[in-house]
Every structure is written in structure tokens, then in C-alpha cells.
Amino acid sequence: PGTSCTNINECVDGSSPCGTNSACTDTAGDFTCACHAGFLSSSADGRECANINECADGSNDCDTNAACTDTEGGFTCACNAGFSGLGVAC
């Protein structure tokens, strides 16, 4: 008794310590949280992730003749009136 220890997988025990917009990875004796694409860590421990507004920070690839709309985890582009295309090229 008490001579061996086993790792507890905090990521699958039903109480994942990471937020809804992040992935949990089990490590020996611990875990890490990593934000999903389109999200950025919003807490010191990396457990919580906030949406990145690609329209506001300029990281979108919308055409200059298109409107960018921020979505949870991403963005969409739509050509302005008088232009046609998929939004990344109008």
C-alpha cells in the first residue's frame, strides 16, 4: 500500500479544468489548456479563452471592397454592394 502512484487524467474525469473554447491535454501529474483556433488566452493560467476579433485587429483576409463580420472563432467576408465574389476577392 502506498508504494505506487498513477497519473490522474484531469481531462477525462468529467470535470475538465479547461474552458469551453480550449482543449485539455493530460500530462504526467498535471494538464495544459490550449485555446482553439480563433481564440486567445484571457486568463493567466490559460484555462479561459476569448474570441479574437479578426475584423478589428486586421488579421482577416477580406478584400478591401468587402465587409468583415466577426464570428465566434472566426470571421466572414462579404463583397460590398456593387462588387461580386466570395469576399476575399471582389
Protein backbone atom coordinates (compact mmCIF):
# COMPACT_ATOMS: atom_id res chain seq x y z
CA PRO A 1 0.00 0.00 0.00
CA GLY A 2 1.21 3.46 -0.90
CA THR A 3 4.16 2.27 -2.97
CA SER A 4 2.94 3.25 -6.44
CA CYS A 5 1.15 6.22 -7.85
CA THR A 6 -0.79 6.54 -11.07
CA ASN A 7 -1.49 9.63 -13.10
CA ILE A 8 -5.00 11.09 -12.92
CA ASN A 9 -6.22 12.28 -16.32
CA GLU A 10 -7.93 15.52 -15.37
CA CYS A 11 -9.10 15.95 -18.96
CA VAL A 12 -11.43 12.94 -18.97
CA ASP A 13 -12.65 12.58 -15.41
CA GLY A 14 -15.84 14.52 -16.22
CA SER A 15 -14.66 17.82 -14.80
CA SER A 16 -12.33 19.20 -17.48
CA PRO A 17 -10.47 22.15 -15.97
CA CYS A 18 -10.27 23.99 -19.31
CA GLY A 19 -12.89 26.41 -20.61
CA THR A 20 -15.30 25.73 -23.46
CA ASN A 21 -13.07 27.36 -26.10
CA SER A 22 -9.94 25.41 -25.23
CA ALA A 23 -8.60 21.87 -25.39
CA CYS A 24 -7.25 19.96 -22.40
CA THR A 25 -4.12 17.82 -22.71
CA ASP A 26 -3.16 15.45 -19.93
CA THR A 27 0.47 15.46 -18.80
CA ALA A 28 2.21 13.47 -16.07
CA GLY A 29 0.72 14.76 -12.83
CA ASP A 30 -0.83 17.81 -14.47
CA PHE A 31 -2.61 19.13 -17.58
CA THR A 32 -2.39 22.00 -20.05
CA CYS A 33 -5.07 24.03 -21.79
CA ALA A 34 -4.69 25.40 -25.33
CA CYS A 35 -7.12 27.78 -26.99
CA HIS A 36 -8.94 26.64 -30.12
CA ALA A 37 -8.19 28.43 -33.40
CA GLY A 38 -9.74 31.90 -33.40
CA PHE A 39 -9.43 32.28 -29.62
CA LEU A 40 -6.76 33.81 -27.38
CA SER A 41 -5.99 33.09 -23.75
CA SER A 42 -7.83 35.50 -21.48
CA SER A 43 -6.56 34.17 -18.14
CA ALA A 44 -3.13 33.84 -16.58
CA ASP A 45 -3.42 30.05 -16.34
CA GLY A 46 -4.62 29.65 -19.96
CA ARG A 47 -7.85 27.96 -18.93
CA GLU A 48 -10.15 30.61 -20.36
CA CYS A 49 -10.10 31.78 -23.97
CA ALA A 50 -11.77 34.78 -25.59
CA ASN A 51 -12.78 35.24 -29.19
CA ILE A 52 -10.27 37.07 -31.40
CA ASN A 53 -11.95 39.83 -33.38
CA GLU A 54 -10.11 39.41 -36.70
CA CYS A 55 -12.13 42.27 -38.20
CA ALA A 56 -10.88 44.73 -35.59
CA ASP A 57 -7.27 43.55 -35.36
CA GLY A 58 -6.69 43.42 -39.13
CA SER A 59 -5.78 39.73 -39.27
CA ASN A 60 -8.60 38.88 -41.70
CA ASP A 61 -8.07 38.33 -45.41
CA CYS A 62 -11.18 40.13 -46.66
CA ASP A 63 -10.90 42.16 -49.86
CA THR A 64 -10.74 45.94 -49.44
CA ASN A 65 -14.15 46.03 -51.19
CA ALA A 66 -15.70 43.61 -48.71
CA ALA A 67 -17.22 43.81 -45.24
CA CYS A 68 -15.76 41.68 -42.48
CA THR A 69 -18.11 40.19 -39.87
CA ASP A 70 -16.63 38.71 -36.69
CA THR A 71 -17.97 35.32 -35.59
CA GLU A 72 -17.15 33.07 -32.62
CA GLY A 73 -13.75 31.65 -33.51
CA GLY A 74 -13.54 33.21 -36.95
CA PHE A 75 -14.92 35.74 -39.38
CA THR A 76 -16.78 36.01 -42.68
CA CYS A 77 -16.23 38.28 -45.67
CA ALA A 78 -18.95 39.57 -47.99
CA CYS A 79 -18.42 41.79 -51.02
CA ASN A 80 -19.88 45.27 -50.74
CA ALA A 81 -22.82 46.36 -52.91
CA GLY A 82 -21.68 46.79 -56.50
CA PHE A 83 -18.99 44.08 -56.19
CA SER A 84 -19.17 40.33 -56.65
CA GLY A 85 -17.11 37.43 -55.40
CA LEU A 86 -16.58 35.39 -52.26
CA GLY A 87 -15.37 38.27 -50.08
CA VAL A 88 -11.65 37.52 -50.15
CA ALA A 89 -11.59 38.68 -53.77
CA CYS A 90 -14.27 41.07 -55.03
